[in-house]
Amino acid sequence: MKLQAKISIIFTVSMIASAALSFLLINLLATFFDNSYSWRDLNMVAIDVSRDLSMGKIDDTNFVREKLSACKAQYPNLDFALFVGDREPVFMTNPEPPRRPEIEEIRKKLAQEEEQIASAPSLRFIDAYDRSPYMVAKPVFGQAGIEGMLMVSVRDDFFLPFYIRINKDKVFESYLIFFGAIAAVIGISFFLVFLFTAPLIQRLQKLYVRISEFTPDIPADAVTDAGKDEIGFVQNTFNIMATRIHEDFRERERSFRERQEMLRNISHDFRTPLTSILGYAISLEDGVYDNEDERRRYISIIRKKALYMTKLFSEMMELTRLDNTEYVLNKTRFNLAELVREIIIEYLPQLEEMGFEIETEIPETLNIEGDKERISRVIRNLIDNVATYAASGKYIGVSLAAAAAPTGTPGPDATQQAVVARLAVTDRGPGIPQEDRLKIFERFYAGKAGGMGLGLAIAKEIIEKHSGKISVENLKITESIGGAVSVSGVQFVVMLPLGEDNPS
C-alpha cells in the first residue's frame, strides 16, 4: 500500500472517530443537561394540556388560569395561551402576548402539524439564527366540537445554541464531559498516528543507518524491505544506487590504474627511443664513428626509432578517436581480399629480411562493407604483432575465406545461416600464456613480453564497431617433414559481416 494511501486511511479513521465521539458527546449533553425543547416535546406537552382543558369549561377564566398556571410551573421555559373563537386570549402566561394568529392561519398550521412532527429531529436542537416564535397549536374540544385553540411556545432565550442553555446546576459535569470527550478524541488520534508512524520510523532509521555507513569502496549490503510504499521504493532505489556507485568506483580505480600504467609505459616507450636517438645524433654530430658504414647504421637506427615513435603516437591517437562518442566509421563496400594482398606485399620485404616463411590462402574476391582504413589498421596490427612477438617461429600464415558464422548469429532470414568473412593470421611462435590470453585484448596490457599493449586493443574495438568478432587461440601444429614434428603457434581469427555482392 502506498504511503499516501496509508496517511489518507489514518486521517479518515481519525476523522470518523472524532465525529463519532462528538456525536456521542452532543447526545449526552442534549439528553442529560440541555433544557431546550424539540417539536416532539412541545407536541406532547400541547396534547396533554389540551386534553386537560377539554375536560373542563374553557369559558371559565379561573379554570383556565389554574390549569395553565400549573403547566407554567411544571414547564417554566414554555409559554401557554388559550384562544376561544375570535376573542382575545382567555389566559396567557407570557406577559407580552405574542402576535394573535388568524383562525385560518391556525387551521393551516394544524394541517401541517403531523408532517412537521414526523420529520422533526429527535435531538434537542434549536435554530440559533431563526428568531421567529417556535409554537405548537392544538385544538381544545368541547360538547360542540372545537371550542378553542391552545398555543404552546418556547421562550426566545431558548433559541440560543445549546451549550449556552446548559443547566447552571450541572455546569461542571457538562464541561467535564465536553472536554473529556475532546481529550479522548485527541488521545485516540495521537495513538493511531503513533501506531501508524512507529513502523515507518523504524524503517527510516534502518535506511538512515545504512546510508550513513555506506562507503563507495565497500560493496553495499542490500537493505531488505518488503514494503510496497514510497519508503520501500526509496530503499530499493538506494540498493540500486549503492551498487552503481560501487561499480563506478571500481571502474574509476581500474581506469586510474590503467592511466598510471599507461603513463609508465608511455614514459618508458618514448624515453627509450628518444634516448637512443639523442645518443646516436650526438655521435653523428661529434663524428664518433669509424667509417661511412657505421655512420649509415647510426642514421638507420635513428630512422627506425623515429618510425617506432610515429607508430606509437598514431596508436594513441587512434585510441583517443575510438573513445570519442562521436566516432563514425567511414563505411564503403570494398574487396577485402585485395586489401589483404596489398598489405602482405607491403610487409613482404620486411618479413623476408627477418627470415619469415610466408603462406597465404586468399580468394580473388571477397567483398565486405566497412571502414577500409580502419580494417587495414587491424590487419597491420596483427602482422606487426607476429613480427614483434613471434619472430622466433619465422613463420606467418594469412588466410581469408567466407565461412559460417558462429552459432546464434542471425542470417538473412530465419531459414539461412549467416555467412561471414573469416580472416586468420597464424604464427609458430612460443604461444601465449593462459593468464595473458585472457587479457590480451585489454588496453595497456602488455604482459611479460612488454610493449604498449595498444595494438590488439585497438584491433578489437575496431572489429566490434563493425559488428564483428576477434579471438585468439594457441595451436599445436604437427608437420611430417622427415618425421613427425610438433610445432606450437598462435592463431588470431577475425570475423566480419560479409557483403551481399560476393561471387558464389
Protein backbone atom coordinates (compact mmCIF):
# COMPACT_ATOMS: atom_id res chain seq x y z
CA MET A 1 0.00 0.00 0.00
CA LYS A 2 1.28 3.46 -0.88
CA LEU A 3 2.30 5.82 1.90
CA GLN A 4 -0.20 8.37 0.64
CA ALA A 5 -2.99 5.81 0.93
CA LYS A 6 -1.91 4.91 4.47
CA ILE A 7 -1.92 8.55 5.52
CA SER A 8 -5.34 9.03 3.91
CA ILE A 9 -6.72 6.00 5.75
CA ILE A 10 -5.36 7.05 9.14
CA PHE A 11 -6.68 10.58 8.60
CA THR A 12 -10.09 9.22 7.61
CA VAL A 13 -10.22 6.87 10.61
CA SER A 14 -9.25 9.73 12.93
CA MET A 15 -11.94 11.95 11.47
CA ILE A 16 -14.57 9.21 11.78
CA ALA A 17 -13.54 8.55 15.39
CA SER A 18 -13.66 12.28 16.14
CA ALA A 19 -17.09 12.62 14.54
CA ALA A 20 -18.40 9.58 16.44
CA LEU A 21 -17.15 10.88 19.78
CA SER A 22 -18.51 14.35 19.03
CA PHE A 23 -21.87 12.82 18.14
CA LEU A 24 -21.86 10.88 21.40
CA LEU A 25 -20.87 13.99 23.36
CA ILE A 26 -23.66 16.06 21.88
CA ASN A 27 -26.19 13.33 22.61
CA LEU A 28 -25.04 13.10 26.22
CA LEU A 29 -25.20 16.85 26.74
CA ALA A 30 -28.50 17.19 24.91
CA THR A 31 -30.07 14.26 26.76
CA PHE A 32 -28.97 14.98 30.31
CA PHE A 33 -28.08 18.66 30.55
CA ASP A 34 -29.92 20.61 27.86
CA ASN A 35 -33.21 22.31 28.82
CA SER A 36 -34.32 23.14 25.29
CA TYR A 37 -37.28 21.54 23.54
CA SER A 38 -37.90 19.77 20.29
CA TRP A 39 -41.04 19.55 18.17
CA ARG A 40 -41.94 16.30 19.84
CA ASP A 41 -41.51 17.81 23.30
CA LEU A 42 -43.83 20.71 22.51
CA ASN A 43 -46.29 18.41 20.77
CA MET A 44 -46.55 16.05 23.76
CA VAL A 45 -46.95 18.96 26.20
CA ALA A 46 -49.59 20.58 23.98
CA ILE A 47 -51.53 17.30 23.68
CA ASP A 48 -51.53 16.77 27.46
CA VAL A 49 -52.58 20.35 28.27
CA SER A 50 -55.29 20.47 25.55
CA ARG A 51 -56.70 17.18 26.87
CA ASP A 52 -56.84 18.61 30.42
CA LEU A 53 -58.55 21.78 29.17
CA SER A 54 -61.07 19.77 27.15
CA MET A 55 -62.24 18.11 30.37
CA GLY A 56 -63.38 21.45 31.82
CA LYS A 57 -65.08 24.66 30.75
CA ILE A 58 -62.73 26.83 28.77
CA ASP A 59 -65.08 29.78 29.18
CA ASP A 60 -64.30 29.67 32.90
CA THR A 61 -61.36 32.04 33.30
CA ASN A 62 -60.49 30.73 36.76
CA PHE A 63 -60.39 27.14 35.48
CA VAL A 64 -58.14 28.10 32.58
CA ARG A 65 -55.88 30.22 34.78
CA GLU A 66 -55.49 27.37 37.27
CA LYS A 67 -54.64 24.80 34.61
CA LEU A 68 -52.23 26.96 32.62
CA SER A 69 -50.52 28.30 35.77
CA ALA A 70 -49.91 24.70 36.86
CA CYS A 71 -48.46 23.92 33.41
CA LYS A 72 -46.25 27.00 33.61
CA ALA A 73 -44.97 25.88 36.98
CA GLN A 74 -44.22 22.43 35.55
CA TYR A 75 -42.65 23.80 32.34
CA PRO A 76 -41.13 27.16 33.30
CA ASN A 77 -39.41 27.60 29.93
CA LEU A 78 -42.66 27.32 27.95
CA ASP A 79 -45.48 29.81 27.49
CA PHE A 80 -49.17 28.94 27.10
CA ALA A 81 -52.07 30.86 25.54
CA LEU A 82 -55.71 29.82 25.04
CA PHE A 83 -57.87 31.39 22.29
CA VAL A 84 -61.64 30.90 22.14
CA GLY A 85 -63.37 31.98 18.95
CA ASP A 86 -62.42 35.44 17.75
CA ARG A 87 -61.94 36.85 21.22
CA GLU A 88 -58.74 37.90 22.88
CA PRO A 89 -56.84 35.14 24.71
CA VAL A 90 -58.71 33.81 27.69
CA PHE A 91 -55.43 33.46 29.54
CA MET A 92 -51.75 33.52 28.65
CA THR A 93 -48.58 33.01 30.69
CA ASN A 94 -46.45 35.37 28.60
CA PRO A 95 -46.62 38.94 29.96
CA GLU A 96 -46.25 40.25 26.42
CA PRO A 97 -48.73 38.26 24.36
CA PRO A 98 -47.42 37.04 21.03
CA ARG A 99 -48.96 38.13 17.77
CA ARG A 100 -52.56 36.91 17.64
CA PRO A 101 -52.73 34.35 14.82
CA GLU A 102 -55.71 34.38 12.47
CA ILE A 103 -58.05 31.41 12.65
CA GLU A 104 -57.25 30.47 9.05
CA GLU A 105 -53.54 30.58 9.85
CA ILE A 106 -54.11 28.27 12.83
CA ARG A 107 -56.01 25.84 10.66
CA LYS A 108 -53.21 25.73 8.10
CA LYS A 109 -50.74 25.19 10.92
CA LEU A 110 -52.82 22.27 12.20
CA ALA A 111 -52.83 20.74 8.70
CA GLN A 112 -49.02 20.81 8.64
CA GLU A 113 -48.61 19.62 12.22
CA GLU A 114 -48.40 15.88 11.55
CA GLU A 115 -45.79 16.25 8.80
CA GLN A 116 -43.67 18.60 10.92
CA ILE A 117 -43.75 16.29 13.90
CA ALA A 118 -42.94 13.22 11.79
CA SER A 119 -39.89 14.88 10.26
CA ALA A 120 -38.72 16.70 13.38
CA PRO A 121 -35.28 15.70 14.67
CA SER A 122 -35.03 13.68 17.84
CA LEU A 123 -32.09 15.71 19.10
CA ARG A 124 -32.84 18.83 21.06
CA PHE A 125 -31.52 21.41 18.61
CA ILE A 126 -32.91 24.92 18.37
CA ASP A 127 -32.03 27.12 15.37
CA ALA A 128 -29.94 29.94 16.85
CA TYR A 129 -30.47 32.10 13.75
CA ASP A 130 -34.26 31.80 13.48
CA ARG A 131 -35.82 34.27 15.92
CA SER A 132 -39.42 33.62 14.86
CA PRO A 133 -41.78 32.16 17.55
CA TYR A 134 -41.46 28.43 17.92
CA MET A 135 -45.03 27.26 18.60
CA VAL A 136 -47.29 24.22 18.57
CA ALA A 137 -51.08 24.67 18.27
CA LYS A 138 -53.61 22.10 19.50
CA PRO A 139 -57.42 22.23 19.42
CA VAL A 140 -59.43 22.18 22.64
CA PHE A 141 -62.65 20.17 22.25
CA GLY A 142 -66.00 20.72 23.95
CA GLN A 143 -69.54 19.46 23.52
CA ALA A 144 -69.93 21.43 20.30
CA GLY A 145 -66.61 20.25 18.82
CA ILE A 146 -63.56 22.54 18.62
CA GLU A 147 -64.22 25.38 21.03
CA GLY A 148 -60.73 26.83 21.34
CA MET A 149 -57.06 26.70 20.34
CA LEU A 150 -54.11 26.11 22.71
CA MET A 151 -50.77 27.71 21.72
CA VAL A 152 -47.57 26.37 23.34
CA SER A 153 -44.36 28.34 22.58
CA VAL A 154 -40.72 28.38 23.63
CA ARG A 155 -39.11 31.42 25.21
CA ASP A 156 -36.78 33.43 23.00
CA ASP A 157 -33.68 32.76 25.05
CA PHE A 158 -34.01 29.07 24.20
CA PHE A 159 -33.20 29.86 20.57
CA LEU A 160 -29.54 30.26 21.56
CA PRO A 161 -27.00 27.43 20.93
CA PHE A 162 -27.46 24.52 23.28
CA TYR A 163 -24.17 24.94 25.12
CA ILE A 164 -25.40 28.34 26.41
CA ARG A 165 -28.60 26.69 27.62
CA ILE A 166 -26.85 24.14 29.82
CA ASN A 167 -28.39 23.77 33.22
CA LYS A 168 -26.41 26.06 35.51
CA ASP A 169 -26.58 23.49 38.30
CA LYS A 170 -24.60 20.99 36.21
CA VAL A 171 -22.02 23.22 34.53
CA PHE A 172 -19.05 21.31 35.96
CA GLU A 173 -20.38 17.91 34.84
CA SER A 174 -21.25 19.30 31.42
CA TYR A 175 -17.83 20.78 30.78
CA LEU A 176 -16.15 17.69 32.23
CA ILE A 177 -17.90 15.51 29.66
CA PHE A 178 -17.30 18.02 26.87
CA PHE A 179 -13.58 18.49 27.42
CA GLY A 180 -13.15 14.83 28.37
CA ALA A 181 -14.55 13.85 25.00
CA ILE A 182 -12.21 16.30 23.27
CA ALA A 183 -9.26 14.84 25.19
CA ALA A 184 -10.38 11.34 24.18
CA VAL A 185 -10.52 12.37 20.52
CA ILE A 186 -7.04 13.87 20.72
CA GLY A 187 -5.71 10.83 22.58
CA ILE A 188 -7.17 8.35 20.11
CA SER A 189 -5.88 10.37 17.16
CA PHE A 190 -2.41 10.54 18.72
CA PHE A 191 -2.45 6.80 19.42
CA LEU A 192 -3.50 5.97 15.87
CA VAL A 193 -0.84 8.27 14.42
CA PHE A 194 1.80 6.80 16.74
CA LEU A 195 0.69 3.27 15.88
CA PHE A 196 0.96 4.07 12.19
CA THR A 197 4.23 6.01 12.26
CA ALA A 198 6.18 3.68 14.58
CA PRO A 199 6.99 1.08 11.89
CA LEU A 200 7.66 3.88 9.40
CA ILE A 201 10.16 5.46 11.78
CA GLN A 202 11.87 2.10 12.27
CA ARG A 203 12.17 1.60 8.52
CA LEU A 204 13.50 5.12 8.05
CA GLN A 205 16.04 4.63 10.86
CA LYS A 206 17.20 1.40 9.23
CA LEU A 207 17.64 3.22 5.94
CA TYR A 208 19.41 6.12 7.68
CA VAL A 209 21.90 3.77 9.37
CA ARG A 210 22.63 2.05 6.06
CA ILE A 211 23.13 5.35 4.24
CA SER A 212 25.37 6.76 6.99
CA GLU A 213 27.55 3.62 6.89
CA PHE A 214 27.79 3.49 3.11
CA THR A 215 31.22 3.91 1.52
CA PRO A 216 31.81 3.52 -2.22
CA ASP A 217 34.87 1.27 -1.87
CA ILE A 218 32.98 -1.48 0.00
CA PRO A 219 30.17 -3.50 -1.63
CA ALA A 220 26.87 -2.39 -0.13
CA ASP A 221 24.66 -4.91 1.65
CA ALA A 222 21.16 -4.67 0.25
CA VAL A 223 18.58 -3.04 2.52
CA THR A 224 15.74 -5.55 2.70
CA ASP A 225 12.28 -4.04 2.89
CA ALA A 226 9.10 -5.80 1.82
CA GLY A 227 7.07 -2.60 1.81
CA LYS A 228 5.44 -1.56 -1.44
CA ASP A 229 5.09 2.10 -0.49
CA GLU A 230 7.34 5.11 -1.11
CA ILE A 231 9.80 4.12 1.66
CA GLY A 232 10.23 0.68 0.10
CA PHE A 233 10.74 2.35 -3.26
CA VAL A 234 13.41 4.65 -1.79
CA GLN A 235 15.21 1.69 -0.18
CA ASN A 236 15.17 -0.29 -3.43
CA THR A 237 16.44 2.78 -5.25
CA PHE A 238 19.21 3.13 -2.67
CA ASN A 239 20.24 -0.50 -3.24
CA ILE A 240 20.49 0.12 -6.98
CA MET A 241 22.30 3.41 -6.43
CA ALA A 242 24.79 1.87 -3.97
CA THR A 243 25.56 -0.94 -6.41
CA ARG A 244 26.11 1.52 -9.25
CA ILE A 245 28.29 3.79 -7.12
CA HIS A 246 30.43 0.84 -6.05
CA GLU A 247 30.75 -0.36 -9.64
CA ASP A 248 31.60 3.16 -10.80
CA PHE A 249 34.18 3.41 -8.02
CA ARG A 250 35.77 0.14 -9.08
CA GLU A 251 35.72 1.28 -12.69
CA ARG A 252 37.39 4.57 -11.75
CA GLU A 253 40.00 2.66 -9.78
CA ARG A 254 40.61 0.41 -12.75
CA SER A 255 40.82 3.41 -15.07
CA PHE A 256 43.19 5.11 -12.67
CA ARG A 257 45.44 2.05 -12.59
CA GLU A 258 45.30 1.85 -16.37
CA ARG A 259 46.23 5.51 -16.68
CA GLN A 260 49.09 5.03 -14.27
CA GLU A 261 50.23 2.01 -16.23
CA MET A 262 49.80 3.92 -19.47
CA LEU A 263 51.88 6.81 -18.18
CA ARG A 264 54.63 4.42 -17.13
CA ASN A 265 54.52 2.66 -20.49
CA ILE A 266 54.42 5.91 -22.44
CA SER A 267 57.27 7.27 -20.37
CA HIS A 268 59.30 4.12 -20.99
CA ASP A 269 58.38 3.66 -24.66
CA PHE A 270 59.07 7.28 -25.53
CA ARG A 271 62.08 7.75 -23.30
CA THR A 272 63.94 4.67 -24.58
CA PRO A 273 63.88 5.54 -28.31
CA LEU A 274 64.39 9.24 -27.58
CA THR A 275 67.46 8.43 -25.52
CA SER A 276 68.73 6.22 -28.33
CA ILE A 277 68.02 8.86 -30.97
CA LEU A 278 69.71 11.52 -28.85
CA GLY A 279 72.76 9.33 -28.29
CA TYR A 280 73.24 8.44 -31.95
CA ALA A 281 72.55 12.05 -33.00
CA ILE A 282 75.30 13.29 -30.66
CA SER A 283 77.65 10.62 -32.01
CA LEU A 284 76.96 11.74 -35.56
CA GLU A 285 77.37 15.39 -34.61
CA ASP A 286 80.70 14.75 -32.88
CA GLY A 287 81.89 12.41 -35.63
CA VAL A 288 82.18 9.47 -33.24
CA TYR A 289 82.07 6.71 -35.87
CA ASP A 290 84.79 4.71 -37.61
CA ASN A 291 83.64 4.72 -41.20
CA GLU A 292 80.82 5.51 -43.58
CA ASP A 293 79.04 2.20 -42.99
CA GLU A 294 78.85 2.87 -39.25
CA ARG A 295 77.52 6.36 -39.89
CA ARG A 296 74.80 4.95 -42.13
CA ARG A 297 73.96 2.37 -39.47
CA TYR A 298 73.53 5.15 -36.91
CA ILE A 299 71.21 7.01 -39.29
CA SER A 300 69.21 3.81 -39.90
CA ILE A 301 68.79 3.27 -36.16
CA ILE A 302 67.60 6.86 -35.70
CA ARG A 303 65.12 6.35 -38.56
CA LYS A 304 63.75 3.11 -37.06
CA LYS A 305 63.36 4.68 -33.63
CA ALA A 306 61.57 7.68 -35.13
CA LEU A 307 59.24 5.38 -37.09
CA TYR A 308 58.52 3.44 -33.89
CA MET A 309 57.62 6.66 -32.08
CA THR A 310 55.46 7.75 -35.01
CA LYS A 311 53.61 4.44 -34.90
CA LEU A 312 53.22 4.70 -31.12
CA PHE A 313 51.81 8.19 -31.42
CA SER A 314 49.46 7.04 -34.20
CA GLU A 315 48.10 4.23 -31.99
CA MET A 316 47.48 6.63 -29.14
CA MET A 317 45.63 8.99 -31.45
CA GLU A 318 43.54 6.10 -32.81
CA LEU A 319 42.68 5.03 -29.27
CA THR A 320 41.58 8.59 -28.47
CA ARG A 321 39.34 8.65 -31.55
CA LEU A 322 37.77 5.32 -30.59
CA ASP A 323 36.89 6.74 -27.17
CA ASN A 324 35.06 9.64 -28.78
CA THR A 325 31.29 9.15 -28.62
CA GLU A 326 31.01 10.91 -31.98
CA TYR A 327 33.36 8.39 -33.64
CA VAL A 328 31.84 7.42 -37.01
CA LEU A 329 33.04 4.69 -39.36
CA ASN A 330 33.51 5.75 -42.96
CA LYS A 331 31.90 2.65 -44.42
CA THR A 332 32.22 1.70 -48.09
CA ARG A 333 31.92 -1.58 -49.99
CA PHE A 334 35.37 -2.88 -50.91
CA ASN A 335 37.26 -6.06 -51.77
CA LEU A 336 38.77 -7.33 -48.52
CA ALA A 337 40.82 -9.97 -50.39
CA GLU A 338 42.52 -7.28 -52.46
CA LEU A 339 43.26 -5.22 -49.33
CA VAL A 340 44.87 -8.21 -47.57
CA ARG A 341 47.07 -8.92 -50.61
CA GLU A 342 48.21 -5.28 -50.79
CA ILE A 343 49.19 -5.22 -47.11
CA ILE A 344 51.11 -8.53 -47.37
CA ILE A 345 53.01 -7.19 -50.40
CA GLU A 346 53.77 -4.06 -48.37
CA TYR A 347 55.21 -6.15 -45.49
CA LEU A 348 56.94 -8.68 -47.75
CA PRO A 349 60.41 -7.06 -47.79
CA GLN A 350 60.45 -6.61 -44.01
CA LEU A 351 59.29 -10.17 -43.34
CA GLU A 352 61.72 -11.70 -45.82
CA GLU A 353 64.54 -9.69 -44.30
CA MET A 354 63.59 -11.17 -40.91
CA GLY A 355 63.66 -14.67 -42.43
CA PHE A 356 59.91 -15.34 -42.25
CA GLU A 357 58.23 -18.05 -44.26
CA ILE A 358 55.00 -16.62 -45.65
CA GLU A 359 51.95 -18.68 -46.58
CA THR A 360 48.74 -17.18 -47.93
CA GLU A 361 45.35 -18.52 -48.93
CA ILE A 362 43.32 -15.63 -50.26
CA PRO A 363 40.43 -15.73 -52.77
CA GLU A 364 40.25 -13.45 -55.77
CA THR A 365 37.27 -11.51 -54.41
CA LEU A 366 35.59 -11.22 -51.03
CA ASN A 367 33.57 -8.05 -50.58
CA ILE A 368 32.56 -6.53 -47.26
CA GLU A 369 31.12 -3.22 -46.14
CA GLY A 370 33.26 -1.32 -43.66
CA ASP A 371 35.82 1.38 -42.99
CA LYS A 372 38.68 0.36 -45.27
CA GLU A 373 41.29 2.44 -43.45
CA ARG A 374 40.33 1.03 -40.03
CA ILE A 375 40.23 -2.58 -41.31
CA SER A 376 43.69 -2.11 -42.82
CA ARG A 377 44.93 -0.94 -39.41
CA VAL A 378 43.58 -4.14 -37.84
CA ILE A 379 45.43 -6.30 -40.41
CA ARG A 380 48.65 -4.35 -39.93
CA ASN A 381 48.39 -4.61 -36.15
CA LEU A 382 48.01 -8.40 -36.38
CA ILE A 383 51.02 -8.73 -38.73
CA ASP A 384 53.09 -6.38 -36.54
CA ASN A 385 52.13 -8.48 -33.52
CA VAL A 386 53.51 -11.62 -35.23
CA ALA A 387 56.69 -9.81 -36.34
CA THR A 388 57.26 -8.47 -32.82
CA TYR A 389 56.32 -11.34 -30.52
CA ALA A 390 56.60 -14.47 -32.72
CA ALA A 391 59.76 -13.71 -34.69
CA SER A 392 61.39 -16.84 -33.29
CA GLY A 393 58.95 -19.02 -35.26
CA LYS A 394 59.96 -17.45 -38.58
CA TYR A 395 56.51 -18.16 -39.96
CA ILE A 396 53.34 -16.24 -40.74
CA GLY A 397 50.23 -17.61 -42.39
CA VAL A 398 47.35 -15.46 -43.65
CA SER A 399 44.08 -16.99 -44.85
CA LEU A 400 40.80 -15.42 -45.90
CA ALA A 401 37.55 -17.15 -46.79
CA ALA A 402 33.79 -16.99 -46.45
CA ALA A 403 32.68 -19.13 -43.52
CA ALA A 404 29.64 -19.98 -41.46
CA ALA A 405 29.05 -17.54 -38.64
CA PRO A 406 29.21 -18.67 -35.01
CA THR A 407 26.07 -20.24 -33.59
CA GLY A 408 23.45 -17.65 -32.66
CA THR A 409 24.39 -15.13 -35.37
CA PRO A 410 21.23 -14.21 -37.34
CA GLY A 411 21.22 -14.84 -41.08
CA PRO A 412 19.38 -13.01 -43.89
CA ASP A 413 16.23 -14.88 -42.90
CA ALA A 414 15.17 -17.49 -40.38
CA THR A 415 15.94 -20.42 -42.74
CA GLN A 416 19.51 -19.40 -43.64
CA GLN A 417 22.71 -19.48 -41.63
CA ALA A 418 24.74 -16.28 -41.54
CA VAL A 419 28.00 -16.15 -43.51
CA VAL A 420 31.00 -14.03 -42.52
CA ALA A 421 34.43 -13.16 -43.84
CA ARG A 422 36.96 -15.16 -41.77
CA LEU A 423 40.50 -13.75 -41.64
CA ALA A 424 43.10 -15.87 -39.81
CA VAL A 425 46.69 -14.81 -39.01
CA THR A 426 48.83 -17.71 -37.74
CA ASP A 427 52.37 -17.86 -36.36
CA ARG A 428 54.66 -20.53 -34.95
CA GLY A 429 55.91 -18.57 -32.01
CA PRO A 430 56.12 -19.64 -28.37
CA GLY A 431 52.38 -19.23 -27.80
CA ILE A 432 50.58 -17.03 -25.32
CA PRO A 433 50.35 -17.97 -21.61
CA GLN A 434 46.84 -18.61 -20.36
CA GLU A 435 46.90 -15.65 -17.97
CA ASP A 436 47.93 -13.33 -20.82
CA ARG A 437 45.46 -14.79 -23.34
CA LEU A 438 42.52 -13.82 -21.13
CA LYS A 439 43.64 -10.16 -21.03
CA ILE A 440 45.47 -9.76 -24.33
CA PHE A 441 42.78 -7.51 -25.83
CA GLU A 442 42.64 -5.15 -22.83
CA ARG A 443 44.07 -1.68 -23.18
CA PHE A 444 47.62 -1.14 -21.96
CA TYR A 445 48.01 -4.82 -21.09
CA ALA A 446 51.49 -5.71 -22.31
CA GLY A 447 52.09 -8.96 -20.41
CA LYS A 448 55.57 -10.31 -19.85
CA ALA A 449 56.61 -9.54 -23.42
CA GLY A 450 56.41 -5.81 -22.78
CA GLY A 451 55.25 -3.14 -25.22
CA MET A 452 52.46 -0.59 -25.07
CA GLY A 453 49.60 -3.08 -25.22
CA LEU A 454 47.58 -0.94 -27.62
CA GLY A 455 47.66 -2.73 -30.99
CA LEU A 456 45.37 -5.66 -30.16
CA ALA A 457 43.07 -3.48 -28.04
CA ILE A 458 42.64 -1.11 -30.99
CA ALA A 459 42.03 -4.05 -33.34
CA LYS A 460 39.34 -5.46 -31.05
CA GLU A 461 37.48 -2.15 -30.72
CA ILE A 462 37.56 -1.52 -34.48
CA ILE A 463 36.24 -5.01 -35.25
CA GLU A 464 33.46 -4.70 -32.66
CA LYS A 465 32.41 -1.35 -34.14
CA HIS A 466 31.98 -3.29 -37.41
CA SER A 467 29.70 -5.79 -35.57
CA GLY A 468 32.43 -8.40 -35.89
CA LYS A 469 34.44 -10.60 -33.53
CA ILE A 470 38.13 -11.25 -32.89
CA SER A 471 39.58 -14.18 -30.95
CA VAL A 472 42.90 -15.89 -30.26
CA GLU A 473 43.90 -19.46 -29.53
CA ASN A 474 47.11 -21.43 -29.07
CA LEU A 475 47.79 -24.12 -31.66
CA LYS A 476 49.71 -27.37 -31.76
CA ILE A 477 50.78 -27.90 -35.36
CA THR A 478 52.11 -31.28 -36.44
CA GLU A 479 54.30 -31.43 -39.56
CA SER A 480 55.74 -34.53 -41.21
CA ILE A 481 58.88 -33.33 -42.91
CA GLY A 482 61.46 -36.04 -42.34
CA GLY A 483 59.37 -37.29 -39.42
CA ALA A 484 56.52 -36.01 -37.26
CA VAL A 485 57.36 -32.68 -35.66
CA SER A 486 55.07 -30.82 -33.23
CA VAL A 487 55.20 -27.06 -33.53
CA SER A 488 53.41 -24.53 -31.29
CA GLY A 489 51.78 -21.39 -32.53
CA VAL A 490 49.05 -18.78 -32.13
CA GLN A 491 46.14 -18.01 -34.41
CA PHE A 492 44.18 -14.75 -34.41
CA VAL A 493 40.76 -15.04 -36.08
CA VAL A 494 38.70 -12.05 -37.25
CA MET A 495 35.10 -12.43 -38.40
CA LEU A 496 33.34 -9.61 -40.26
CA PRO A 497 29.86 -9.40 -41.79
CA LEU A 498 30.00 -10.41 -45.45
CA GLY A 499 28.89 -8.16 -48.30
CA GLU A 500 25.93 -9.14 -50.48
CA ASP A 501 27.65 -8.98 -53.89
CA ASN A 502 30.22 -11.78 -53.48
CA PRO A 503 30.58 -14.39 -56.21
CA SER A 504 29.06 -17.75 -55.30
